Amino acid sequence: MTALPASAQDMVREDDKPDLQFFVGLGLQVRPSFPGADSYNLGPLPVIRVRREGEPLPIRSPDQNTAFRLLGKRDGVSVGGTFNFQSARKEKDVGAPVGNVGFTFEPGVFAQGFLSDNLRLRAEVRRGIGGHNAFVGDVAADYVLRGADDRFVATIGPRVRLADARYNRRYFGVSLDRAVATGLPAFDTSAGTYAVGATVGLLYRFSPRWAGYGYAGYDRLTGDAARSPITRAYGSRDQYSAGIALTYNFIVTR
């Protein structure tokens, strides 16, 4: 077999694309039924992670919404699009005629940057379509921990949840007619921070094929959301979430 010249060998290596490794799994998670709820819903927890062969395990915080990068690098400064879904809130879920809030699709944008290999800052701004029809956002900091031999990757850090006046009014405000119907005092809201909290997540590889994923989160309602008569009478300032899943890892050759 005739050997290729050195320049041709380099060209072959440059043209080769690294294989992709997929982490695909499913589990269960518990989350508040709606913002400010004191009840919880049990639902599926899908997990999808992708990395190129040779790269470390991908960093993704538990409350990071589905996103696609438009500019920048994954491990540097980047911006892109993102989206989220907010389930509906029905009066029967609250236990009082405070108004329904329909299912909401929340497209938006994100920006993130790494201050070091272990510290990431990320911000999202989204606009609700249907349902609350409002602007919401999140500001997050994550400290990243990696295990030896790429065995695991974990994230932990604080969160700040922001919303405009319309969002807070839909979930936490009490109009005059609702006050008459419920007996609650009328309550108006303004834009600002409606919750602060923290989340922790872990992806752990048991073997080359199998990995486990788990997360836990806590938010504490603040400002108008915490002072709302709806929260005080029918909800909770404390918002917990948690989930666990099993993933199967496979490689796609390109």
Protein backbone atom coordinates (compact mmCIF):
# COMPACT_ATOMS: atom_id res chain seq x y z
CA MET A 1 0.00 0.00 0.00
CA THR A 2 1.44 3.36 -1.07
CA ALA A 3 1.83 5.84 1.78
CA LEU A 4 0.36 9.30 1.37
CA PRO A 5 2.68 12.29 1.42
CA ALA A 6 2.78 14.14 4.72
CA SER A 7 0.73 17.02 3.32
CA ALA A 8 -1.96 14.62 2.08
CA GLN A 9 -2.08 12.87 5.45
CA ASP A 10 -2.59 16.21 7.18
CA MET A 11 -5.38 17.02 4.74
CA VAL A 12 -7.17 13.76 5.54
CA ARG A 13 -6.94 14.45 9.27
CA GLU A 14 -8.22 17.99 8.82
CA ASP A 15 -11.16 16.79 6.76
CA ASP A 16 -12.14 14.16 9.33
CA LYS A 17 -14.90 15.33 11.61
CA PRO A 18 -14.93 14.10 15.21
CA ASP A 19 -17.63 11.62 16.13
CA LEU A 20 -20.59 12.84 18.16
CA GLN A 21 -21.53 11.29 21.50
CA PHE A 22 -25.17 11.52 22.55
CA PHE A 23 -26.51 11.21 26.10
CA VAL A 24 -30.23 10.45 25.74
CA GLY A 25 -32.43 9.56 28.66
CA LEU A 26 -35.73 9.92 30.45
CA GLY A 27 -36.76 10.24 34.08
CA LEU A 28 -39.20 11.98 36.41
CA GLN A 29 -39.28 15.45 37.89
CA VAL A 30 -41.39 17.34 40.42
CA ARG A 31 -42.11 21.02 39.88
CA PRO A 32 -44.58 23.64 41.18
CA SER A 33 -47.92 23.46 39.39
CA PHE A 34 -47.60 27.16 38.47
CA PRO A 35 -45.60 30.18 39.70
CA GLY A 36 -46.38 30.68 43.37
CA ALA A 37 -48.19 27.36 43.81
CA ASP A 38 -48.13 25.26 46.96
CA SER A 39 -48.96 22.14 44.91
CA TYR A 40 -46.65 20.14 42.64
CA ASN A 41 -46.86 18.24 39.37
CA LEU A 42 -45.01 15.02 38.59
CA GLY A 43 -43.90 14.86 34.98
CA PRO A 44 -41.28 13.46 32.59
CA LEU A 45 -37.67 14.62 32.62
CA PRO A 46 -36.10 14.25 29.17
CA VAL A 47 -32.32 14.48 28.95
CA ILE A 48 -30.37 15.15 25.74
CA ARG A 49 -26.69 16.08 25.76
CA VAL A 50 -24.30 16.12 22.80
CA ARG A 51 -20.55 16.44 22.66
CA ARG A 52 -17.80 15.87 20.15
CA GLU A 53 -15.46 12.99 20.86
CA GLY A 54 -12.48 14.31 22.78
CA GLU A 55 -14.40 17.17 24.39
CA PRO A 56 -15.28 17.22 28.09
CA LEU A 57 -18.81 16.51 29.27
CA PRO A 58 -21.10 19.39 28.25
CA ILE A 59 -22.11 22.01 30.80
CA ARG A 60 -25.83 22.50 31.21
CA SER A 61 -27.55 23.78 34.33
CA PRO A 62 -30.87 22.21 35.37
CA ASP A 63 -32.99 25.32 34.67
CA GLN A 64 -31.22 26.22 31.44
CA ASN A 65 -33.84 26.31 28.71
CA THR A 66 -33.48 24.77 25.27
CA ALA A 67 -31.12 26.99 23.29
CA PHE A 68 -29.12 27.27 20.08
CA ARG A 69 -25.89 29.24 19.79
CA LEU A 70 -25.68 31.86 17.04
CA LEU A 71 -22.39 33.60 17.83
CA GLY A 72 -19.36 32.78 19.95
CA LYS A 73 -17.90 29.62 21.42
CA ARG A 74 -19.44 27.09 23.78
CA ASP A 75 -16.65 27.53 26.34
CA GLY A 76 -16.30 31.30 25.82
CA VAL A 77 -18.66 34.20 25.26
CA SER A 78 -21.74 33.31 23.22
CA VAL A 79 -25.23 34.52 22.34
CA GLY A 80 -28.18 32.79 20.75
CA GLY A 81 -31.83 31.92 20.86
CA THR A 82 -33.75 30.05 23.52
CA PHE A 83 -37.30 29.01 24.37
CA ASN A 84 -39.38 27.69 27.23
CA PHE A 85 -42.93 26.52 27.91
CA GLN A 86 -45.03 27.60 30.89
CA SER A 87 -47.97 25.38 31.76
CA ALA A 88 -51.43 26.83 32.28
CA ARG A 89 -52.82 27.94 35.62
CA LYS A 90 -56.51 27.29 36.15
CA GLU A 91 -58.67 28.74 38.87
CA LYS A 92 -59.50 25.26 40.15
CA ASP A 93 -55.76 24.67 40.64
CA VAL A 94 -55.55 27.75 42.85
CA GLY A 95 -58.79 27.11 44.70
CA ALA A 96 -60.25 30.58 44.11
CA PRO A 97 -61.59 32.64 41.14
CA VAL A 98 -58.37 34.63 40.63
CA GLY A 99 -58.32 34.23 36.84
CA ASN A 100 -56.95 31.65 34.44
CA VAL A 101 -53.55 31.95 32.76
CA GLY A 102 -53.23 29.90 29.59
CA PHE A 103 -50.36 27.79 28.32
CA THR A 104 -47.48 30.04 27.26
CA PHE A 105 -44.71 29.66 24.70
CA GLU A 106 -41.68 31.76 25.67
CA PRO A 107 -39.13 32.38 22.89
CA GLY A 108 -36.18 34.62 23.66
CA VAL A 109 -32.44 35.23 23.60
CA PHE A 110 -29.53 34.34 25.87
CA ALA A 111 -25.99 35.56 26.50
CA GLN A 112 -23.36 33.75 28.52
CA GLY A 113 -19.67 33.95 29.30
CA PHE A 114 -17.05 32.07 31.27
CA LEU A 115 -15.08 34.15 33.75
CA SER A 116 -12.86 31.09 34.26
CA ASP A 117 -12.93 27.38 33.46
CA ASN A 118 -15.16 26.85 36.49
CA LEU A 119 -17.39 29.93 36.58
CA ARG A 120 -20.12 30.77 34.07
CA LEU A 121 -22.55 33.69 33.96
CA ARG A 122 -25.73 33.43 31.90
CA ALA A 123 -28.77 35.63 31.26
CA GLU A 124 -32.01 34.97 29.38
CA VAL A 125 -34.83 37.28 28.28
CA ARG A 126 -38.03 35.72 26.91
CA ARG A 127 -41.39 37.01 25.65
CA GLY A 128 -44.51 35.01 26.36
CA ILE A 129 -46.83 34.22 23.45
CA GLY A 130 -50.30 33.31 24.66
CA GLY A 131 -50.96 32.83 28.34
CA HIS A 132 -49.27 35.58 30.31
CA ASN A 133 -48.06 37.56 27.20
CA ALA A 134 -45.28 39.13 29.25
CA PHE A 135 -41.50 39.49 29.44
CA VAL A 136 -39.58 37.26 31.83
CA GLY A 137 -35.89 36.71 32.43
CA ASP A 138 -33.29 34.84 34.45
CA VAL A 139 -29.80 35.74 35.62
CA ALA A 140 -27.64 32.80 36.70
CA ALA A 141 -24.14 32.05 37.93
CA ASP A 142 -22.82 28.50 37.94
CA TYR A 143 -19.72 27.01 39.50
CA VAL A 144 -18.66 23.96 37.50
CA LEU A 145 -17.09 20.85 39.05
CA ARG A 146 -15.55 18.10 36.92
CA GLY A 147 -14.52 14.64 38.02
CA ALA A 148 -11.29 12.85 37.19
CA ASP A 149 -11.26 11.02 33.85
CA ASP A 150 -14.37 12.96 32.80
CA ARG A 151 -16.48 10.85 35.14
CA PHE A 152 -18.96 13.59 36.04
CA VAL A 153 -19.83 17.24 35.63
CA ALA A 154 -21.79 19.20 38.24
CA THR A 155 -23.12 22.76 38.40
CA ILE A 156 -24.27 24.80 41.36
CA GLY A 157 -25.16 28.44 41.69
CA PRO A 158 -27.59 31.25 42.53
CA ARG A 159 -30.53 32.50 40.46
CA VAL A 160 -32.49 35.73 40.07
CA ARG A 161 -35.92 35.62 38.37
CA LEU A 162 -37.24 38.80 36.74
CA ALA A 163 -40.58 39.74 35.20
CA ASP A 164 -42.46 42.76 33.91
CA ALA A 165 -45.59 44.17 35.54
CA ARG A 166 -47.94 42.21 33.26
CA TYR A 167 -46.45 38.86 34.30
CA ASN A 168 -46.67 39.72 37.99
CA ARG A 169 -50.21 41.04 37.51
CA ARG A 170 -51.37 37.82 35.82
CA TYR A 171 -50.02 35.52 38.51
CA PHE A 172 -49.97 37.64 41.64
CA GLY A 173 -52.24 40.66 41.15
CA VAL A 174 -55.83 40.97 42.41
CA SER A 175 -58.10 43.27 40.39
CA LEU A 176 -61.15 44.94 41.92
CA ASP A 177 -63.59 42.45 40.40
CA ARG A 178 -61.43 39.52 41.56
CA ALA A 179 -61.28 41.05 45.01
CA VAL A 180 -65.08 41.12 45.15
CA ALA A 181 -65.29 37.51 43.91
CA THR A 182 -62.67 36.12 46.29
CA GLY A 183 -62.81 38.36 49.32
CA LEU A 184 -59.10 39.07 48.93
CA PRO A 185 -57.84 42.65 49.08
CA ALA A 186 -57.13 44.33 45.74
CA PHE A 187 -53.45 44.19 44.92
CA ASP A 188 -51.50 45.82 42.07
CA THR A 189 -48.02 44.78 40.97
CA SER A 190 -44.96 46.28 39.30
CA ALA A 191 -41.98 44.95 37.36
CA GLY A 192 -38.92 43.58 39.10
CA THR A 193 -37.44 40.56 40.79
CA TYR A 194 -40.09 38.01 41.73
CA ALA A 195 -37.84 35.21 43.03
CA VAL A 196 -34.28 34.36 44.04
CA GLY A 197 -32.86 30.90 44.55
CA ALA A 198 -30.28 28.30 43.61
CA THR A 199 -29.97 25.07 41.62
CA VAL A 200 -27.59 22.11 41.58
CA GLY A 201 -27.25 19.49 38.85
CA LEU A 202 -25.11 16.40 38.25
CA LEU A 203 -24.40 14.17 35.25
CA TYR A 204 -22.49 11.06 36.38
CA ARG A 205 -21.15 8.32 34.09
CA PHE A 206 -21.48 4.83 35.57
CA SER A 207 -19.95 3.20 32.50
CA PRO A 208 -19.07 4.08 28.90
CA ARG A 209 -22.74 3.50 27.99
CA TRP A 210 -24.78 4.54 31.00
CA ALA A 211 -25.02 7.72 33.03
CA GLY A 212 -27.33 9.17 35.65
CA TYR A 213 -28.62 12.72 35.86
CA GLY A 214 -30.19 14.51 38.81
CA TYR A 215 -30.99 18.02 39.93
CA ALA A 216 -32.59 20.01 42.74
CA GLY A 217 -33.69 23.62 42.87
CA TYR A 218 -35.18 26.14 45.26
CA ASP A 219 -36.72 29.58 44.63
CA ARG A 220 -38.00 32.01 47.24
CA LEU A 221 -40.64 34.45 46.04
CA THR A 222 -39.77 38.10 46.71
CA GLY A 223 -41.29 41.54 46.19
CA ASP A 224 -44.87 41.74 44.96
CA ALA A 225 -44.96 37.98 44.34
CA ALA A 226 -44.26 37.33 48.02
CA ARG A 227 -46.65 40.04 49.26
CA SER A 228 -49.50 38.96 46.98
CA PRO A 229 -52.74 37.98 48.74
CA ILE A 230 -52.94 35.03 46.34
CA THR A 231 -49.57 33.73 47.49
CA ARG A 232 -50.41 34.29 51.15
CA ALA A 233 -53.86 32.68 51.01
CA TYR A 234 -53.52 29.96 48.37
CA GLY A 235 -49.85 29.55 47.49
CA SER A 236 -46.36 29.41 48.92
CA ARG A 237 -43.29 31.60 48.84
CA ASP A 238 -41.12 28.48 48.79
CA GLN A 239 -40.80 26.83 45.37
CA TYR A 240 -38.98 23.48 45.14
CA SER A 241 -38.08 21.32 42.17
CA ALA A 242 -36.15 18.07 41.68
CA GLY A 243 -35.64 15.35 39.10
CA ILE A 244 -33.70 12.18 38.30
CA ALA A 245 -33.09 10.34 35.04
CA LEU A 246 -31.07 7.53 33.46
CA THR A 247 -29.28 8.13 30.14
CA TYR A 248 -27.87 5.83 27.48
CA ASN A 249 -24.74 7.00 25.65
CA PHE A 250 -24.02 6.22 22.03
CA ILE A 251 -21.67 7.49 19.34
CA VAL A 252 -22.60 8.65 15.85
CA THR A 253 -19.72 8.45 13.37
CA ARG A 254 -19.54 11.31 10.92
